[in-house]
Amino acid sequence: MWVSLRSVGVASLLLFLLTGCSYKIAEKGGVQAHKVVQLEPTKFMPTLEQMRAEKSKVVIFPIDEKAPLAKKAGAGS
C-alpha cells in the first residue's frame, strides 16, 4: 500500500507534538506521582447564586505591564 509523503509528515508531526513533554513526566515519577491539591477559594470568584443568575457581568481591565507579577508572567507580550 502506497502512503504519501504528506501523510507521513503529518503523522510524524502529530507524534512529535503529542510526545513533546512525556520525558519530563517520566523524570518526575510518571502520572502516578502527581497529586490533587486543594486550592484556596479566591475573592474574585462569583458565588453560586451569582453564577445561577440570568445575567452576568464581565469586566476586563487593561494589563498593567509594569507590575512585578505581570512582568514575571510576560503579560504584556
Protein backbone atom coordinates (compact mmCIF):
# COMPACT_ATOMS: atom_id res chain seq x y z
CA MET A 1 0.00 0.00 0.00
CA TRP A 2 1.39 3.38 -1.01
CA VAL A 3 1.47 6.09 1.66
CA SER A 4 2.03 9.65 0.54
CA LEU A 5 4.93 11.66 1.83
CA ARG A 6 2.50 14.28 3.10
CA SER A 7 0.59 11.83 5.32
CA VAL A 8 3.86 10.50 6.74
CA GLY A 9 4.90 14.08 7.50
CA VAL A 10 1.60 14.88 9.19
CA ALA A 11 1.74 11.67 11.24
CA SER A 12 5.32 12.41 12.29
CA LEU A 13 4.42 15.95 13.30
CA LEU A 14 1.46 14.74 15.37
CA LEU A 15 3.62 12.12 17.06
CA PHE A 16 6.25 14.74 17.86
CA LEU A 17 3.68 17.18 19.27
CA LEU A 18 1.90 14.57 21.38
CA THR A 19 5.08 13.21 22.96
CA GLY A 20 6.92 16.50 23.47
CA CYS A 21 6.67 16.65 27.27
CA SER A 22 6.43 12.94 28.06
CA TYR A 23 10.09 12.68 29.09
CA LYS A 24 9.54 15.31 31.81
CA ILE A 25 6.57 13.37 33.19
CA ALA A 26 8.66 10.19 33.29
CA GLU A 27 11.52 12.01 35.09
CA LYS A 28 9.18 13.09 37.88
CA GLY A 29 7.74 9.65 38.61
CA GLY A 30 5.10 9.37 35.94
CA VAL A 31 1.46 10.27 36.13
CA GLN A 32 1.07 8.37 39.41
CA ALA A 33 3.43 10.82 41.15
CA HIS A 34 1.04 13.72 40.63
CA LYS A 35 -1.40 14.51 43.40
CA VAL A 36 -4.56 16.56 43.77
CA VAL A 37 -4.03 19.85 45.58
CA GLN A 38 -6.87 21.74 47.21
CA LEU A 39 -6.70 25.43 46.32
CA GLU A 40 -7.99 28.26 48.46
CA PRO A 41 -11.12 29.97 47.21
CA THR A 42 -10.39 33.29 45.61
CA LYS A 43 -12.16 36.51 46.50
CA PHE A 44 -12.77 37.21 42.81
CA MET A 45 -14.92 34.14 42.09
CA PRO A 46 -18.68 34.70 42.00
CA THR A 47 -20.90 32.92 44.48
CA LEU A 48 -23.07 30.00 43.38
CA GLU A 49 -26.13 32.26 43.49
CA GLN A 50 -24.44 34.82 41.27
CA MET A 51 -23.48 32.14 38.74
CA ARG A 52 -27.07 30.88 38.61
CA ALA A 53 -28.43 34.37 37.89
CA GLU A 54 -29.68 35.04 34.37
CA LYS A 55 -27.39 37.97 33.63
CA SER A 56 -23.65 38.02 34.15
CA LYS A 57 -21.33 40.99 34.17
CA VAL A 58 -17.81 40.66 32.87
CA VAL A 59 -15.23 43.37 33.38
CA ILE A 60 -11.90 43.32 31.56
CA PHE A 61 -9.17 45.63 32.77
CA PRO A 62 -6.11 46.64 30.76
CA ILE A 63 -2.93 44.82 31.73
CA ASP A 64 -0.51 46.73 33.95
CA GLU A 65 2.72 45.68 32.28
CA LYS A 66 4.85 47.34 34.98
CA ALA A 67 3.54 45.22 37.86
CA PRO A 68 6.11 42.63 39.05
CA LEU A 69 3.73 39.69 38.59
CA ALA A 70 2.81 40.86 35.09
CA LYS A 71 6.50 41.12 34.18
CA LYS A 72 7.18 37.64 35.53
CA ALA A 73 4.20 36.17 33.64
CA GLY A 74 5.06 38.05 30.45
CA ALA A 75 1.54 39.52 30.37
CA GLY A 76 2.45 42.35 28.03
CA SER A 77 3.98 40.10 25.39
